[in-house]
């Protein structure tokens, strides 16, 4: 995945961000902001252009949580994290969120 240099910063060049860095940063951010446990995060890439086309997130939610609202928040946060790491024009693809399990209490403690 290629990151863009922000306007007015640094010189020309490219920075490549590993999918592992993006995945772990996104998982940490989601766990810190929301009562959920991401169980799988995958990226749809255009290998020819190294462009991120979309993100799929599977997670465990907490019983009683408005899961549609949680998914909406996760989509916005995902786009923000991707844009922060990869540049302003990155992160415009779809973000699919699937709740694969629901537990009582904190999903991180389940």
PDB file of N, CA and C in Angstrom:
ATOM      1  N   UNK A   1       0.846  -1.163   0.000  1.00  0.00           N
ATOM      2  CA  UNK A   1       0.000   0.000   0.000  1.00  0.00           C
ATOM      3  C   UNK A   1       0.891   1.226   0.000  1.00  0.00           C
ATOM      4  N   UNK A   2       0.668   2.120  -0.873  1.00  0.00           N
ATOM      5  CA  UNK A   2       1.487   3.325  -0.980  1.00  0.00           C
ATOM      6  C   UNK A   2       0.821   4.473  -0.243  1.00  0.00           C
ATOM      7  N   UNK A   3       1.609   5.172   0.564  1.00  0.00           N
ATOM      8  CA  UNK A   3       1.108   6.348   1.279  1.00  0.00           C
ATOM      9  C   UNK A   3       1.511   7.596   0.520  1.00  0.00           C
ATOM     10  N   UNK A   4       0.712   8.642   0.616  1.00  0.00           N
ATOM     11  CA  UNK A   4       1.014   9.897  -0.054  1.00  0.00           C
ATOM     12  C   UNK A   4       1.630  10.863   0.945  1.00  0.00           C
ATOM     13  N   UNK A   5       2.574  11.677   0.474  1.00  0.00           N
ATOM     14  CA  UNK A   5       3.169  12.708   1.314  1.00  0.00           C
ATOM     15  C   UNK A   5       2.179  13.850   1.440  1.00  0.00           C
ATOM     16  N   UNK A   6       1.869  14.287   2.684  1.00  0.00           N
ATOM     17  CA  UNK A   6       0.941  15.412   2.855  1.00  0.00           C
ATOM     18  C   UNK A   6       1.501  16.674   2.201  1.00  0.00           C
ATOM     19  N   UNK A   7       0.632  17.540   1.683  1.00  0.00           N
ATOM     20  CA  UNK A   7       1.077  18.778   1.055  1.00  0.00           C
ATOM     21  C   UNK A   7       1.932  19.603   2.019  1.00  0.00           C
ATOM     22  N   UNK A   8       3.043  20.136   1.500  1.00  0.00           N
ATOM     23  CA  UNK A   8       3.903  20.986   2.308  1.00  0.00           C
ATOM     24  C   UNK A   8       4.855  20.246   3.226  1.00  0.00           C
ATOM     25  N   UNK A   9       4.870  18.917   3.164  1.00  0.00           N
ATOM     26  CA  UNK A   9       5.742  18.143   4.041  1.00  0.00           C
ATOM     27  C   UNK A   9       6.667  17.272   3.214  1.00  0.00           C
ATOM     28  N   UNK A  10       7.917  17.271   3.586  1.00  0.00           N
ATOM     29  CA  UNK A  10       8.882  16.360   2.991  1.00  0.00           C
ATOM     30  C   UNK A  10       9.063  16.552   1.503  1.00  0.00           C
ATOM     31  N   UNK A  11       9.913  15.733   0.955  1.00  0.00           N
ATOM     32  CA  UNK A  11      10.189  15.779  -0.470  1.00  0.00           C
ATOM     33  C   UNK A  11       9.440  14.680  -1.190  1.00  0.00           C
ATOM     34  N   UNK A  12       9.687  14.579  -2.491  1.00  0.00           N
ATOM     35  CA  UNK A  12       9.011  13.537  -3.254  1.00  0.00           C
ATOM     36  C   UNK A  12       9.501  12.155  -2.843  1.00  0.00           C
ATOM     37  N   UNK A  13       8.691  11.184  -3.041  1.00  0.00           N
ATOM     38  CA  UNK A  13       9.054   9.815  -2.712  1.00  0.00           C
ATOM     39  C   UNK A  13       7.832   9.017  -2.348  1.00  0.00           C
ATOM     40  N   UNK A  14       8.061   7.763  -2.030  1.00  0.00           N
ATOM     41  CA  UNK A  14       6.958   6.880  -1.661  1.00  0.00           C
ATOM     42  C   UNK A  14       7.297   6.175  -0.368  1.00  0.00           C
ATOM     43  N   UNK A  15       6.279   5.927   0.392  1.00  0.00           N
ATOM     44  CA  UNK A  15       6.393   5.164   1.620  1.00  0.00           C
ATOM     45  C   UNK A  15       5.436   3.993   1.494  1.00  0.00           C
ATOM     46  N   UNK A  16       5.907   2.797   1.752  1.00  0.00           N
ATOM     47  CA  UNK A  16       5.035   1.631   1.670  1.00  0.00           C
ATOM     48  C   UNK A  16       4.689   1.169   3.073  1.00  0.00           C
ATOM     49  N   UNK A  17       3.399   1.012   3.314  1.00  0.00           N
ATOM     50  CA  UNK A  17       2.903   0.602   4.621  1.00  0.00           C
ATOM     51  C   UNK A  17       2.453  -0.845   4.509  1.00  0.00           C
ATOM     52  N   UNK A  18       2.996  -1.684   5.358  1.00  0.00           N
ATOM     53  CA  UNK A  18       2.639  -3.096   5.369  1.00  0.00           C
ATOM     54  C   UNK A  18       1.172  -3.261   5.759  1.00  0.00           C
ATOM     55  N   UNK A  19       0.530  -4.270   5.182  1.00  0.00           N
ATOM     56  CA  UNK A  19      -0.854  -4.547   5.573  1.00  0.00           C
ATOM     57  C   UNK A  19      -0.925  -4.944   7.039  1.00  0.00           C
ATOM     58  N   UNK A  20       0.162  -5.483   7.591  1.00  0.00           N
ATOM     59  CA  UNK A  20       0.185  -5.848   9.011  1.00  0.00           C
ATOM     60  C   UNK A  20       0.128  -4.597   9.897  1.00  0.00           C
ATOM     61  N   UNK A  21       0.809  -3.540   9.477  1.00  0.00           N
ATOM     62  CA  UNK A  21       0.784  -2.285  10.226  1.00  0.00           C
ATOM     63  C   UNK A  21      -0.617  -1.692  10.188  1.00  0.00           C
ATOM     64  N   UNK A  22      -1.216  -1.664   9.022  1.00  0.00           N
ATOM     65  CA  UNK A  22      -2.561  -1.111   8.890  1.00  0.00           C
ATOM     66  C   UNK A  22      -3.566  -1.941   9.693  1.00  0.00           C
ATOM     67  N   UNK A  23      -3.456  -3.261   9.596  1.00  0.00           N
ATOM     68  CA  UNK A  23      -4.376  -4.148  10.302  1.00  0.00           C
ATOM     69  C   UNK A  23      -4.256  -3.975  11.822  1.00  0.00           C
ATOM     70  N   UNK A  24      -3.033  -3.966  12.340  1.00  0.00           N
ATOM     71  CA  UNK A  24      -2.862  -3.859  13.792  1.00  0.00           C
ATOM     72  C   UNK A  24      -3.258  -2.477  14.306  1.00  0.00           C
ATOM     73  N   UNK A  25      -2.929  -1.426  13.554  1.00  0.00           N
ATOM     74  CA  UNK A  25      -3.317  -0.072  13.961  1.00  0.00           C
ATOM     75  C   UNK A  25      -4.835   0.062  13.991  1.00  0.00           C
ATOM     76  N   UNK A  26      -5.486  -0.467  12.989  1.00  0.00           N
ATOM     77  CA  UNK A  26      -6.939  -0.407  12.920  1.00  0.00           C
ATOM     78  C   UNK A  26      -7.575  -1.204  14.057  1.00  0.00           C
ATOM     79  N   UNK A  27      -7.071  -2.399  14.327  1.00  0.00           N
ATOM     80  CA  UNK A  27      -7.624  -3.228  15.406  1.00  0.00           C
ATOM     81  C   UNK A  27      -7.490  -2.540  16.762  1.00  0.00           C
ATOM     82  N   UNK A  28      -6.331  -1.962  17.025  1.00  0.00           N
ATOM     83  CA  UNK A  28      -6.116  -1.257  18.293  1.00  0.00           C
ATOM     84  C   UNK A  28      -7.080  -0.084  18.423  1.00  0.00           C
ATOM     85  N   UNK A  29      -7.201   0.684  17.363  1.00  0.00           N
ATOM     86  CA  UNK A  29      -8.085   1.852  17.385  1.00  0.00           C
ATOM     87  C   UNK A  29      -9.541   1.446  17.630  1.00  0.00           C
ATOM     88  N   UNK A  30      -9.997   0.392  16.969  1.00  0.00           N
ATOM     89  CA  UNK A  30     -11.385  -0.064  17.150  1.00  0.00           C
ATOM     90  C   UNK A  30     -11.615  -0.582  18.563  1.00  0.00           C
ATOM     91  N   UNK A  31     -10.660  -1.337  19.110  1.00  0.00           N
ATOM     92  CA  UNK A  31     -10.809  -1.854  20.482  1.00  0.00           C
ATOM     93  C   UNK A  31     -10.831  -0.728  21.504  1.00  0.00           C
ATOM     94  N   UNK A  32     -10.050   0.318  21.270  1.00  0.00           N
ATOM     95  CA  UNK A  32      -9.997   1.428  22.223  1.00  0.00           C
ATOM     96  C   UNK A  32     -11.241   2.296  22.174  1.00  0.00           C
ATOM     97  N   UNK A  33     -11.829   2.457  21.004  1.00  0.00           N
ATOM     98  CA  UNK A  33     -12.980   3.355  20.854  1.00  0.00           C
ATOM     99  C   UNK A  33     -14.324   2.696  21.134  1.00  0.00           C
ATOM    100  N   UNK A  34     -14.436   1.396  20.843  1.00  0.00           N
ATOM    101  CA  UNK A  34     -15.746   0.755  20.880  1.00  0.00           C
ATOM    102  C   UNK A  34     -15.713  -0.528  21.688  1.00  0.00           C
ATOM    103  N   UNK A  35     -16.891  -0.916  22.181  1.00  0.00           N
ATOM    104  CA  UNK A  35     -17.032  -2.160  22.930  1.00  0.00           C
ATOM    105  C   UNK A  35     -17.194  -3.297  21.918  1.00  0.00           C
ATOM    106  N   UNK A  36     -16.062  -3.741  21.375  1.00  0.00           N
ATOM    107  CA  UNK A  36     -16.053  -4.794  20.379  1.00  0.00           C
ATOM    108  C   UNK A  36     -14.674  -5.433  20.334  1.00  0.00           C
ATOM    109  N   UNK A  37     -14.608  -6.576  19.682  1.00  0.00           N
ATOM    110  CA  UNK A  37     -13.334  -7.269  19.473  1.00  0.00           C
ATOM    111  C   UNK A  37     -13.237  -7.641  18.000  1.00  0.00           C
ATOM    112  N   UNK A  38     -12.427  -6.918  17.232  1.00  0.00           N
ATOM    113  CA  UNK A  38     -12.226  -7.296  15.831  1.00  0.00           C
ATOM    114  C   UNK A  38     -11.586  -8.683  15.766  1.00  0.00           C
ATOM    115  N   UNK A  39     -12.197  -9.580  15.013  1.00  0.00           N
ATOM    116  CA  UNK A  39     -11.666 -10.944  14.923  1.00  0.00           C
ATOM    117  C   UNK A  39     -10.991 -11.213  13.588  1.00  0.00           C
ATOM    118  N   UNK A  40     -11.304 -10.379  12.591  1.00  0.00           N
ATOM    119  CA  UNK A  40     -10.678 -10.539  11.277  1.00  0.00           C
ATOM    120  C   UNK A  40     -10.768  -9.215  10.522  1.00  0.00           C
ATOM    121  N   UNK A  41      -9.640  -8.792   9.960  1.00  0.00           N
ATOM    122  CA  UNK A  41      -9.597  -7.578   9.141  1.00  0.00           C
ATOM    123  C   UNK A  41      -8.843  -7.942   7.872  1.00  0.00           C
ATOM    124  N   UNK A  42      -9.516  -7.767   6.729  1.00  0.00           N
ATOM    125  CA  UNK A  42      -8.877  -8.067   5.447  1.00  0.00           C
ATOM    126  C   UNK A  42      -8.994  -6.853   4.536  1.00  0.00           C
ATOM    127  N   UNK A  43      -8.074  -6.799   3.561  1.00  0.00           N
ATOM    128  CA  UNK A  43      -8.027  -5.679   2.635  1.00  0.00           C
ATOM    129  C   UNK A  43      -8.163  -6.184   1.209  1.00  0.00           C
ATOM    130  N   UNK A  44      -8.968  -5.489   0.440  1.00  0.00           N
ATOM    131  CA  UNK A  44      -9.099  -5.771  -0.989  1.00  0.00           C
ATOM    132  C   UNK A  44      -8.164  -4.802  -1.704  1.00  0.00           C
ATOM    133  N   UNK A  45      -7.135  -5.360  -2.347  1.00  0.00           N
ATOM    134  CA  UNK A  45      -6.100  -4.544  -2.979  1.00  0.00           C
ATOM    135  C   UNK A  45      -6.101  -4.715  -4.491  1.00  0.00           C
ATOM    136  N   UNK A  46      -5.763  -3.646  -5.183  1.00  0.00           N
ATOM    137  CA  UNK A  46      -5.448  -3.726  -6.601  1.00  0.00           C
ATOM    138  C   UNK A  46      -3.938  -3.914  -6.667  1.00  0.00           C
ATOM    139  N   UNK A  47      -3.506  -5.139  -6.943  1.00  0.00           N
ATOM    140  CA  UNK A  47      -2.077  -5.452  -6.931  1.00  0.00           C
ATOM    141  C   UNK A  47      -1.300  -4.697  -8.007  1.00  0.00           C
ATOM    142  N   UNK A  48      -1.969  -4.344  -9.068  1.00  0.00           N
ATOM    143  CA  UNK A  48      -1.293  -3.634 -10.156  1.00  0.00           C
ATOM    144  C   UNK A  48      -0.910  -2.219  -9.741  1.00  0.00           C
ATOM    145  N   UNK A  49      -1.806  -1.544  -9.023  1.00  0.00           N
ATOM    146  CA  UNK A  49      -1.564  -0.148  -8.645  1.00  0.00           C
ATOM    147  C   UNK A  49      -1.250   0.028  -7.163  1.00  0.00           C
ATOM    148  N   UNK A  50      -1.251  -1.080  -6.391  1.00  0.00           N
ATOM    149  CA  UNK A  50      -1.058  -1.011  -4.932  1.00  0.00           C
ATOM    150  C   UNK A  50      -2.076  -0.084  -4.278  1.00  0.00           C
ATOM    151  N   UNK A  51      -3.306  -0.151  -4.762  1.00  0.00           N
ATOM    152  CA  UNK A  51      -4.368   0.706  -4.256  1.00  0.00           C
ATOM    153  C   UNK A  51      -5.325  -0.109  -3.392  1.00  0.00           C
ATOM    154  N   UNK A  52      -5.695   0.459  -2.258  1.00  0.00           N
ATOM    155  CA  UNK A  52      -6.666  -0.172  -1.376  1.00  0.00           C
ATOM    156  C   UNK A  52      -8.065   0.078  -1.932  1.00  0.00           C
ATOM    157  N   UNK A  53      -8.783  -1.012  -2.234  1.00  0.00           N
ATOM    158  CA  UNK A  53     -10.113  -0.900  -2.820  1.00  0.00           C
ATOM    159  C   UNK A  53     -11.227  -1.001  -1.781  1.00  0.00           C
ATOM    160  N   UNK A  54     -10.960  -1.697  -0.672  1.00  0.00           N
ATOM    161  CA  UNK A  54     -11.981  -1.870   0.351  1.00  0.00           C
ATOM    162  C   UNK A  54     -11.432  -2.608   1.549  1.00  0.00           C
ATOM    163  N   UNK A  55     -12.209  -2.606   2.632  1.00  0.00           N
ATOM    164  CA  UNK A  55     -11.834  -3.259   3.882  1.00  0.00           C
ATOM    165  C   UNK A  55     -13.013  -4.096   4.352  1.00  0.00           C
ATOM    166  N   UNK A  56     -12.714  -5.300   4.833  1.00  0.00           N
ATOM    167  CA  UNK A  56     -13.730  -6.157   5.443  1.00  0.00           C
ATOM    168  C   UNK A  56     -13.335  -6.403   6.892  1.00  0.00           C
ATOM    169  N   UNK A  57     -14.274  -6.162   7.803  1.00  0.00           N
ATOM    170  CA  UNK A  57     -14.014  -6.332   9.230  1.00  0.00           C
ATOM    171  C   UNK A  57     -15.061  -7.269   9.806  1.00  0.00           C
ATOM    172  N   UNK A  58     -14.602  -8.307  10.503  1.00  0.00           N
ATOM    173  CA  UNK A  58     -15.480  -9.183  11.274  1.00  0.00           C
ATOM    174  C   UNK A  58     -15.191  -8.928  12.739  1.00  0.00           C
ATOM    175  N   UNK A  59     -16.250  -8.914  13.561  1.00  0.00           N
ATOM    176  CA  UNK A  59     -16.038  -8.595  14.976  1.00  0.00           C
ATOM    177  C   UNK A  59     -17.044  -9.282  15.878  1.00  0.00           C
ATOM    178  N   UNK A  60     -16.683  -9.314  17.145  1.00  0.00           N
ATOM    179  CA  UNK A  60     -17.573  -9.765  18.199  1.00  0.00           C
ATOM    180  C   UNK A  60     -18.087  -8.522  18.911  1.00  0.00           C
ATOM    181  N   UNK A  61     -19.406  -8.441  19.058  1.00  0.00           N
ATOM    182  CA  UNK A  61     -20.016  -7.302  19.730  1.00  0.00           C
ATOM    183  C   UNK A  61     -20.524  -7.691  21.103  1.00  0.00           C
ATOM    184  N   UNK A  62     -21.024  -6.706  21.824  1.00  0.00           N
ATOM    185  CA  UNK A  62     -21.553  -6.919  23.166  1.00  0.00           C
ATOM    186  C   UNK A  62     -23.075  -6.910  23.132  1.00  0.00           C
ATOM    187  N   UNK A  63     -23.684  -7.838  23.860  1.00  0.00           N
ATOM    188  CA  UNK A  63     -25.142  -7.930  23.929  1.00  0.00           C
ATOM    189  C   UNK A  63     -25.706  -6.595  24.416  1.00  0.00           C
ATOM    190  N   UNK A  64     -26.737  -6.112  23.746  1.00  0.00           N
ATOM    191  CA  UNK A  64     -27.373  -4.856  24.119  1.00  0.00           C
ATOM    192  C   UNK A  64     -26.856  -3.660  23.337  1.00  0.00           C
ATOM    193  N   UNK A  65     -25.776  -3.836  22.596  1.00  0.00           N
ATOM    194  CA  UNK A  65     -25.223  -2.762  21.777  1.00  0.00           C
ATOM    195  C   UNK A  65     -26.050  -2.628  20.501  1.00  0.00           C
ATOM    196  N   UNK A  66     -26.286  -1.390  20.086  1.00  0.00           N
ATOM    197  CA  UNK A  66     -26.942  -1.150  18.802  1.00  0.00           C
ATOM    198  C   UNK A  66     -25.916  -1.494  17.726  1.00  0.00           C
ATOM    199  N   UNK A  67     -26.020  -2.686  17.154  1.00  0.00           N
ATOM    200  CA  UNK A  67     -24.998  -3.203  16.250  1.00  0.00           C
ATOM    201  C   UNK A  67     -24.935  -2.440  14.928  1.00  0.00           C
ATOM    202  N   UNK A  68     -26.069  -1.930  14.456  1.00  0.00           N
ATOM    203  CA  UNK A  68     -26.045  -1.127  13.225  1.00  0.00           C
ATOM    204  C   UNK A  68     -25.287   0.178  13.447  1.00  0.00           C
ATOM    205  N   UNK A  69     -25.541   0.795  14.589  1.00  0.00           N
ATOM    206  CA  UNK A  69     -24.834   2.029  14.915  1.00  0.00           C
ATOM    207  C   UNK A  69     -23.337   1.762  15.118  1.00  0.00           C
ATOM    208  N   UNK A  70     -23.015   0.659  15.787  1.00  0.00           N
ATOM    209  CA  UNK A  70     -21.618   0.273  15.973  1.00  0.00           C
ATOM    210  C   UNK A  70     -20.933   0.105  14.615  1.00  0.00           C
ATOM    211  N   UNK A  71     -21.581  -0.593  13.695  1.00  0.00           N
ATOM    212  CA  UNK A  71     -21.004  -0.803  12.367  1.00  0.00           C
ATOM    213  C   UNK A  71     -20.800   0.524  11.633  1.00  0.00           C
ATOM    214  N   UNK A  72     -21.753   1.444  11.766  1.00  0.00           N
ATOM    215  CA  UNK A  72     -21.609   2.765  11.139  1.00  0.00           C
ATOM    216  C   UNK A  72     -20.391   3.505  11.698  1.00  0.00           C
ATOM    217  N   UNK A  73     -20.236   3.471  13.019  1.00  0.00           N
ATOM    218  CA  UNK A  73     -19.085   4.130  13.653  1.00  0.00           C
ATOM    219  C   UNK A  73     -17.774   3.483  13.214  1.00  0.00           C
ATOM    220  N   UNK A  74     -17.776   2.166  13.113  1.00  0.00           N
ATOM    221  CA  UNK A  74     -16.565   1.449  12.703  1.00  0.00           C
ATOM    222  C   UNK A  74     -16.192   1.803  11.271  1.00  0.00           C
ATOM    223  N   UNK A  75     -17.172   1.951  10.401  1.00  0.00           N
ATOM    224  CA  UNK A  75     -16.890   2.345   9.012  1.00  0.00           C
ATOM    225  C   UNK A  75     -16.198   3.710   8.960  1.00  0.00           C
ATOM    226  N   UNK A  76     -16.728   4.672   9.702  1.00  0.00           N
ATOM    227  CA  UNK A  76     -16.149   6.015   9.719  1.00  0.00           C
ATOM    228  C   UNK A  76     -14.734   5.980  10.288  1.00  0.00           C
ATOM    229  N   UNK A  77     -14.554   5.287  11.400  1.00  0.00           N
ATOM    230  CA  UNK A  77     -13.235   5.198  12.026  1.00  0.00           C
ATOM    231  C   UNK A  77     -12.242   4.517  11.096  1.00  0.00           C
ATOM    232  N   UNK A  78     -12.676   3.472  10.412  1.00  0.00           N
ATOM    233  CA  UNK A  78     -11.798   2.756   9.480  1.00  0.00           C
ATOM    234  C   UNK A  78     -11.323   3.681   8.372  1.00  0.00           C
ATOM    235  N   UNK A  79     -12.225   4.434   7.787  1.00  0.00           N
ATOM    236  CA  UNK A  79     -11.837   5.375   6.734  1.00  0.00           C
ATOM    237  C   UNK A  79     -10.871   6.434   7.266  1.00  0.00           C
ATOM    238  N   UNK A  80     -11.089   6.899   8.503  1.00  0.00           N
ATOM    239  CA  UNK A  80     -10.193   7.887   9.107  1.00  0.00           C
ATOM    240  C   UNK A  80      -8.793   7.315   9.324  1.00  0.00           C
ATOM    241  N   UNK A  81      -8.712   6.096   9.860  1.00  0.00           N
ATOM    242  CA  UNK A  81      -7.416   5.464  10.125  1.00  0.00           C
ATOM    243  C   UNK A  81      -6.666   5.212   8.815  1.00  0.00           C
ATOM    244  N   UNK A  82      -7.370   4.702   7.816  1.00  0.00           N
ATOM    245  CA  UNK A  82      -6.740   4.446   6.518  1.00  0.00           C
ATOM    246  C   UNK A  82      -6.229   5.750   5.916  1.00  0.00           C
ATOM    247  N   UNK A  83      -7.037   6.799   5.970  1.00  0.00           N
ATOM    248  CA  UNK A  83      -6.615   8.093   5.418  1.00  0.00           C
ATOM    249  C   UNK A  83      -5.420   8.646   6.174  1.00  0.00           C
ATOM    250  N   UNK A  84      -5.388   8.486   7.496  1.00  0.00           N
ATOM    251  CA  UNK A  84      -4.253   8.958   8.294  1.00  0.00           C
ATOM    252  C   UNK A  84      -2.962   8.241   7.910  1.00  0.00           C
ATOM    253  N   UNK A  85      -3.057   6.940   7.677  1.00  0.00           N
ATOM    254  CA  UNK A  85      -1.862   6.154   7.393  1.00  0.00           C
ATOM    255  C   UNK A  85      -1.444   6.195   5.924  1.00  0.00           C
ATOM    256  N   UNK A  86      -2.415   6.268   5.021  1.00  0.00           N
ATOM    257  CA  UNK A  86      -2.093   6.133   3.608  1.00  0.00           C
ATOM    258  C   UNK A  86      -2.239   7.419   2.803  1.00  0.00           C
ATOM    259  N   UNK A  87      -2.803   8.434   3.363  1.00  0.00           N
ATOM    260  CA  UNK A  87      -2.938   9.693   2.648  1.00  0.00           C
ATOM    261  C   UNK A  87      -4.378  10.103   2.464  1.00  0.00           C
ATOM    262  N   UNK A  88      -4.564  11.327   2.060  1.00  0.00           N
ATOM    263  CA  UNK A  88      -5.896  11.914   1.990  1.00  0.00           C
ATOM    264  C   UNK A  88      -6.823  11.238   0.993  1.00  0.00           C
ATOM    265  N   UNK A  89      -6.283  10.734  -0.107  1.00  0.00           N
ATOM    266  CA  UNK A  89      -7.163  10.161  -1.132  1.00  0.00           C
ATOM    267  C   UNK A  89      -7.405   8.676  -0.911  1.00  0.00           C
ATOM    268  N   UNK A  90      -6.672   8.071   0.005  1.00  0.00           N
ATOM    269  CA  UNK A  90      -6.867   6.648   0.284  1.00  0.00           C
ATOM    270  C   UNK A  90      -8.095   6.475   1.176  1.00  0.00           C
ATOM    271  N   UNK A  91      -8.565   5.274   1.234  1.00  0.00           N
ATOM    272  CA  UNK A  91      -9.647   4.971   2.156  1.00  0.00           C
ATOM    273  C   UNK A  91     -11.013   5.393   1.703  1.00  0.00           C
ATOM    274  N   UNK A  92     -11.234   5.476   0.398  1.00  0.00           N
ATOM    275  CA  UNK A  92     -12.552   5.858  -0.094  1.00  0.00           C
ATOM    276  C   UNK A  92     -13.391   4.653  -0.511  1.00  0.00           C
ATOM    277  N   UNK A  93     -12.805   3.462  -0.436  1.00  0.00           N
ATOM    278  CA  UNK A  93     -13.514   2.255  -0.837  1.00  0.00           C
ATOM    279  C   UNK A  93     -14.509   1.818   0.221  1.00  0.00           C
ATOM    280  N   UNK A  94     -15.267   0.784  -0.084  1.00  0.00           N
ATOM    281  CA  UNK A  94     -16.274   0.310   0.872  1.00  0.00           C
ATOM    282  C   UNK A  94     -15.626  -0.341   2.092  1.00  0.00           C
ATOM    283  N   UNK A  95     -16.314  -0.214   3.225  1.00  0.00           N
ATOM    284  CA  UNK A  95     -15.921  -0.889   4.456  1.00  0.00           C
ATOM    285  C   UNK A  95     -17.091  -1.775   4.849  1.00  0.00           C
ATOM    286  N   UNK A  96     -16.893  -3.089   4.738  1.00  0.00           N
ATOM    287  CA  UNK A  96     -17.932  -4.051   5.098  1.00  0.00           C
ATOM    288  C   UNK A  96     -17.686  -4.527   6.521  1.00  0.00           C
ATOM    289  N   UNK A  97     -18.700  -4.401   7.371  1.00  0.00           N
ATOM    290  CA  UNK A  97     -18.593  -4.814   8.771  1.00  0.00           C
ATOM    291  C   UNK A  97     -19.602  -5.931   9.015  1.00  0.00           C
ATOM    292  N   UNK A  98     -19.110  -7.055   9.549  1.00  0.00           N
ATOM    293  CA  UNK A  98     -19.968  -8.187   9.874  1.00  0.00           C
ATOM    294  C   UNK A  98     -19.773  -8.548  11.343  1.00  0.00           C
ATOM    295  N   UNK A  99     -20.872  -8.605  12.089  1.00  0.00           N
ATOM    296  CA  UNK A  99     -20.814  -9.057  13.478  1.00  0.00           C
ATOM    297  C   UNK A  99     -20.990 -10.571  13.447  1.00  0.00           C
ATOM    298  N   UNK A 100     -19.949 -11.283  13.836  1.00  0.00           N
ATOM    299  CA  UNK A 100     -19.969 -12.744  13.758  1.00  0.00           C
ATOM    300  C   UNK A 100     -20.349 -13.398  15.079  1.00  0.00           C
ATOM    301  N   UNK A 101     -20.314 -12.624  16.178  1.00  0.00           N
ATOM    302  CA  UNK A 101     -20.667 -13.177  17.486  1.00  0.00           C
ATOM    303  C   UNK A 101     -21.081 -12.031  18.395  1.00  0.00           C
ATOM    304  N   UNK A 102     -21.931 -12.348  19.376  1.00  0.00           N
ATOM    305  CA  UNK A 102     -22.348 -11.390  20.394  1.00  0.00           C
ATOM    306  C   UNK A 102     -22.193 -12.073  21.746  1.00  0.00           C
ATOM    307  N   UNK A 103     -21.561 -11.371  22.682  1.00  0.00           N
ATOM    308  CA  UNK A 103     -21.336 -11.926  24.015  1.00  0.00           C
ATOM    309  C   UNK A 103     -21.891 -10.971  25.061  1.00  0.00           C
ATOM    310  N   UNK A 104     -22.097 -11.476  26.265  1.00  0.00           N
ATOM    311  CA  UNK A 104     -22.504 -10.643  27.383  1.00  0.00           C
ATOM    312  C   UNK A 104     -21.265  -9.984  27.963  1.00  0.00           C
ATOM    313  N   UNK A 105     -21.306  -8.670  28.132  1.00  0.00           N
ATOM    314  CA  UNK A 105     -20.169  -7.967  28.706  1.00  0.00           C
ATOM    315  C   UNK A 105     -19.161  -7.545  27.661  1.00  0.00           C
ATOM    316  N   UNK A 106     -17.911  -7.450  28.096  1.00  0.00           N
ATOM    317  CA  UNK A 106     -16.827  -6.985  27.239  1.00  0.00           C
ATOM    318  C   UNK A 106     -16.340  -8.119  26.339  1.00  0.00           C
ATOM    319  N   UNK A 107     -16.428  -7.952  25.015  1.00  0.00           N
ATOM    320  CA  UNK A 107     -15.971  -8.998  24.112  1.00  0.00           C
ATOM    321  C   UNK A 107     -14.485  -9.319  24.242  1.00  0.00           C
ATOM    322  N   UNK A 108     -13.703  -8.367  24.733  1.00  0.00           N
ATOM    323  CA  UNK A 108     -12.279  -8.626  24.909  1.00  0.00           C
ATOM    324  C   UNK A 108     -12.007  -9.578  26.069  1.00  0.00           C
ATOM    325  N   UNK A 109     -12.960  -9.649  26.989  1.00  0.00           N
ATOM    326  CA  UNK A 109     -12.811 -10.531  28.145  1.00  0.00           C
ATOM    327  C   UNK A 109     -13.487 -11.886  27.943  1.00  0.00           C
ATOM    328  N   UNK A 110     -14.163 -12.039  26.801  1.00  0.00           N
ATOM    329  CA  UNK A 110     -14.910 -13.283  26.536  1.00  0.00           C
ATOM    330  C   UNK A 110     -13.993 -14.404  26.128  1.00  0.00           C
TER     331      UNK A 110
END
